């Protein structure tokens, strides 16, 4: 049980870190900067659940977990990610 929770925590932390890296590579001046970290965390947890099912059913190798986390974060923050909102001149949310 501890091993499962440790791997889940590490996958979530890695996903949050990759989400922060996505935020750093984006252009400045976007609203909801913390959203990237939260989406990365959720993607990391989801990737771990996929990895857990694959490990129990097919005996997936250990190197697959970081690859799944990277792919999930890229998918959720790239093509299916949040819309790019720009802040207005007076720091209001766009309408």
C-alpha atoms as a PDB file:
ATOM      1  CA  UNK A   1       0.000   0.000   0.000  1.00  0.00           C
ATOM      2  CA  UNK A   2       2.810   2.405   0.847  1.00  0.00           C
ATOM      3  CA  UNK A   3       4.520   1.687  -2.457  1.00  0.00           C
ATOM      4  CA  UNK A   4       1.328   2.473  -4.356  1.00  0.00           C
ATOM      5  CA  UNK A   5       0.808   5.754  -2.502  1.00  0.00           C
ATOM      6  CA  UNK A   6       4.455   6.703  -2.976  1.00  0.00           C
ATOM      7  CA  UNK A   7       4.286   6.095  -6.725  1.00  0.00           C
ATOM      8  CA  UNK A   8       0.989   7.980  -6.954  1.00  0.00           C
ATOM      9  CA  UNK A   9       2.461  10.950  -5.085  1.00  0.00           C
ATOM     10  CA  UNK A  10       5.602  10.959  -7.209  1.00  0.00           C
ATOM     11  CA  UNK A  11       3.574  10.792 -10.447  1.00  0.00           C
ATOM     12  CA  UNK A  12       1.406  13.690  -9.272  1.00  0.00           C
ATOM     13  CA  UNK A  13       4.437  15.757  -8.274  1.00  0.00           C
ATOM     14  CA  UNK A  14       6.149  15.034 -11.590  1.00  0.00           C
ATOM     15  CA  UNK A  15       2.991  16.020 -13.456  1.00  0.00           C
ATOM     16  CA  UNK A  16       2.758  19.277 -11.476  1.00  0.00           C
ATOM     17  CA  UNK A  17       6.412  20.008 -12.250  1.00  0.00           C
ATOM     18  CA  UNK A  18       5.898  19.401 -15.961  1.00  0.00           C
ATOM     19  CA  UNK A  19       2.791  21.617 -15.807  1.00  0.00           C
ATOM     20  CA  UNK A  20       4.912  24.394 -14.287  1.00  0.00           C
ATOM     21  CA  UNK A  21       7.424  23.947 -17.099  1.00  0.00           C
ATOM     22  CA  UNK A  22       4.593  24.365 -19.604  1.00  0.00           C
ATOM     23  CA  UNK A  23       3.649  27.604 -17.836  1.00  0.00           C
ATOM     24  CA  UNK A  24       7.223  28.899 -18.018  1.00  0.00           C
ATOM     25  CA  UNK A  25       7.448  28.216 -21.748  1.00  0.00           C
ATOM     26  CA  UNK A  26       4.225  30.113 -22.494  1.00  0.00           C
ATOM     27  CA  UNK A  27       4.208  33.825 -23.221  1.00  0.00           C
ATOM     28  CA  UNK A  28       3.820  36.060 -20.170  1.00  0.00           C
ATOM     29  CA  UNK A  29       0.621  37.919 -19.452  1.00  0.00           C
ATOM     30  CA  UNK A  30      -1.786  35.013 -19.402  1.00  0.00           C
ATOM     31  CA  UNK A  31      -4.573  34.643 -16.891  1.00  0.00           C
ATOM     32  CA  UNK A  32      -4.869  31.639 -14.588  1.00  0.00           C
ATOM     33  CA  UNK A  33      -1.204  30.716 -14.338  1.00  0.00           C
ATOM     34  CA  UNK A  34      -1.852  28.302 -11.448  1.00  0.00           C
ATOM     35  CA  UNK A  35      -4.167  26.290 -13.696  1.00  0.00           C
ATOM     36  CA  UNK A  36      -1.154  24.769 -15.478  1.00  0.00           C
ATOM     37  CA  UNK A  37       0.131  23.250 -12.234  1.00  0.00           C
ATOM     38  CA  UNK A  38      -3.267  21.876 -11.262  1.00  0.00           C
ATOM     39  CA  UNK A  39      -3.841  20.364 -14.694  1.00  0.00           C
ATOM     40  CA  UNK A  40      -0.355  18.819 -14.528  1.00  0.00           C
ATOM     41  CA  UNK A  41      -1.132  17.322 -11.116  1.00  0.00           C
ATOM     42  CA  UNK A  42      -4.414  15.841 -12.349  1.00  0.00           C
ATOM     43  CA  UNK A  43      -2.721  14.501 -15.483  1.00  0.00           C
ATOM     44  CA  UNK A  44       0.009  12.869 -13.379  1.00  0.00           C
ATOM     45  CA  UNK A  45      -2.544  11.134 -11.164  1.00  0.00           C
ATOM     46  CA  UNK A  46      -4.528   9.983 -14.193  1.00  0.00           C
ATOM     47  CA  UNK A  47      -1.367   8.680 -15.857  1.00  0.00           C
ATOM     48  CA  UNK A  48      -0.548   6.719 -12.704  1.00  0.00           C
ATOM     49  CA  UNK A  49      -4.004   5.130 -12.690  1.00  0.00           C
ATOM     50  CA  UNK A  50      -3.521   4.081 -16.319  1.00  0.00           C
ATOM     51  CA  UNK A  51      -0.076   2.706 -15.448  1.00  0.00           C
ATOM     52  CA  UNK A  52      -1.478   0.814 -12.446  1.00  0.00           C
ATOM     53  CA  UNK A  53      -4.112  -0.898 -14.577  1.00  0.00           C
ATOM     54  CA  UNK A  54      -1.527  -1.756 -17.247  1.00  0.00           C
ATOM     55  CA  UNK A  55       0.864  -3.138 -14.634  1.00  0.00           C
ATOM     56  CA  UNK A  56      -1.779  -5.358 -13.066  1.00  0.00           C
ATOM     57  CA  UNK A  57      -3.104  -6.673 -16.375  1.00  0.00           C
ATOM     58  CA  UNK A  58      -0.071  -6.919 -18.658  1.00  0.00           C
ATOM     59  CA  UNK A  59       2.999  -6.380 -16.447  1.00  0.00           C
ATOM     60  CA  UNK A  60       4.003  -3.047 -17.962  1.00  0.00           C
ATOM     61  CA  UNK A  61       7.643  -1.963 -17.441  1.00  0.00           C
ATOM     62  CA  UNK A  62       8.583   0.744 -14.916  1.00  0.00           C
ATOM     63  CA  UNK A  63       9.865   3.168 -17.573  1.00  0.00           C
ATOM     64  CA  UNK A  64       6.335   3.512 -18.928  1.00  0.00           C
ATOM     65  CA  UNK A  65       5.119   5.643 -15.983  1.00  0.00           C
ATOM     66  CA  UNK A  66       7.197   8.786 -16.711  1.00  0.00           C
ATOM     67  CA  UNK A  67       6.357   8.489 -20.400  1.00  0.00           C
ATOM     68  CA  UNK A  68       2.650   8.291 -19.599  1.00  0.00           C
ATOM     69  CA  UNK A  69       2.901  11.321 -17.296  1.00  0.00           C
ATOM     70  CA  UNK A  70       4.662  13.357 -19.992  1.00  0.00           C
ATOM     71  CA  UNK A  71       2.124  12.335 -22.620  1.00  0.00           C
ATOM     72  CA  UNK A  72      -0.864  13.091 -20.380  1.00  0.00           C
ATOM     73  CA  UNK A  73       0.449  16.523 -19.406  1.00  0.00           C
ATOM     74  CA  UNK A  74       1.304  17.360 -23.003  1.00  0.00           C
ATOM     75  CA  UNK A  75      -2.131  16.223 -24.161  1.00  0.00           C
ATOM     76  CA  UNK A  76      -4.036  18.100 -21.469  1.00  0.00           C
ATOM     77  CA  UNK A  77      -1.993  21.303 -21.725  1.00  0.00           C
ATOM     78  CA  UNK A  78      -1.351  21.159 -25.457  1.00  0.00           C
ATOM     79  CA  UNK A  79      -4.119  20.277 -27.905  1.00  0.00           C
ATOM     80  CA  UNK A  80      -6.852  19.682 -25.298  1.00  0.00           C
ATOM     81  CA  UNK A  81      -5.552  22.254 -22.832  1.00  0.00           C
ATOM     82  CA  UNK A  82      -7.072  25.405 -21.405  1.00  0.00           C
ATOM     83  CA  UNK A  83      -7.757  28.242 -23.768  1.00  0.00           C
ATOM     84  CA  UNK A  84      -5.117  30.944 -23.908  1.00  0.00           C
ATOM     85  CA  UNK A  85      -6.602  33.969 -22.250  1.00  0.00           C
ATOM     86  CA  UNK A  86      -4.823  37.288 -22.374  1.00  0.00           C
ATOM     87  CA  UNK A  87      -5.114  39.858 -19.633  1.00  0.00           C
ATOM     88  CA  UNK A  88      -6.481  43.221 -20.647  1.00  0.00           C
ATOM     89  CA  UNK A  89      -4.530  46.434 -20.022  1.00  0.00           C
ATOM     90  CA  UNK A  90      -6.068  46.949 -16.586  1.00  0.00           C
ATOM     91  CA  UNK A  91      -5.514  43.295 -15.535  1.00  0.00           C
ATOM     92  CA  UNK A  92      -9.181  42.382 -15.994  1.00  0.00           C
ATOM     93  CA  UNK A  93     -10.311  39.027 -17.202  1.00  0.00           C
ATOM     94  CA  UNK A  94     -11.130  39.003 -20.923  1.00  0.00           C
ATOM     95  CA  UNK A  95     -14.832  39.157 -21.722  1.00  0.00           C
END
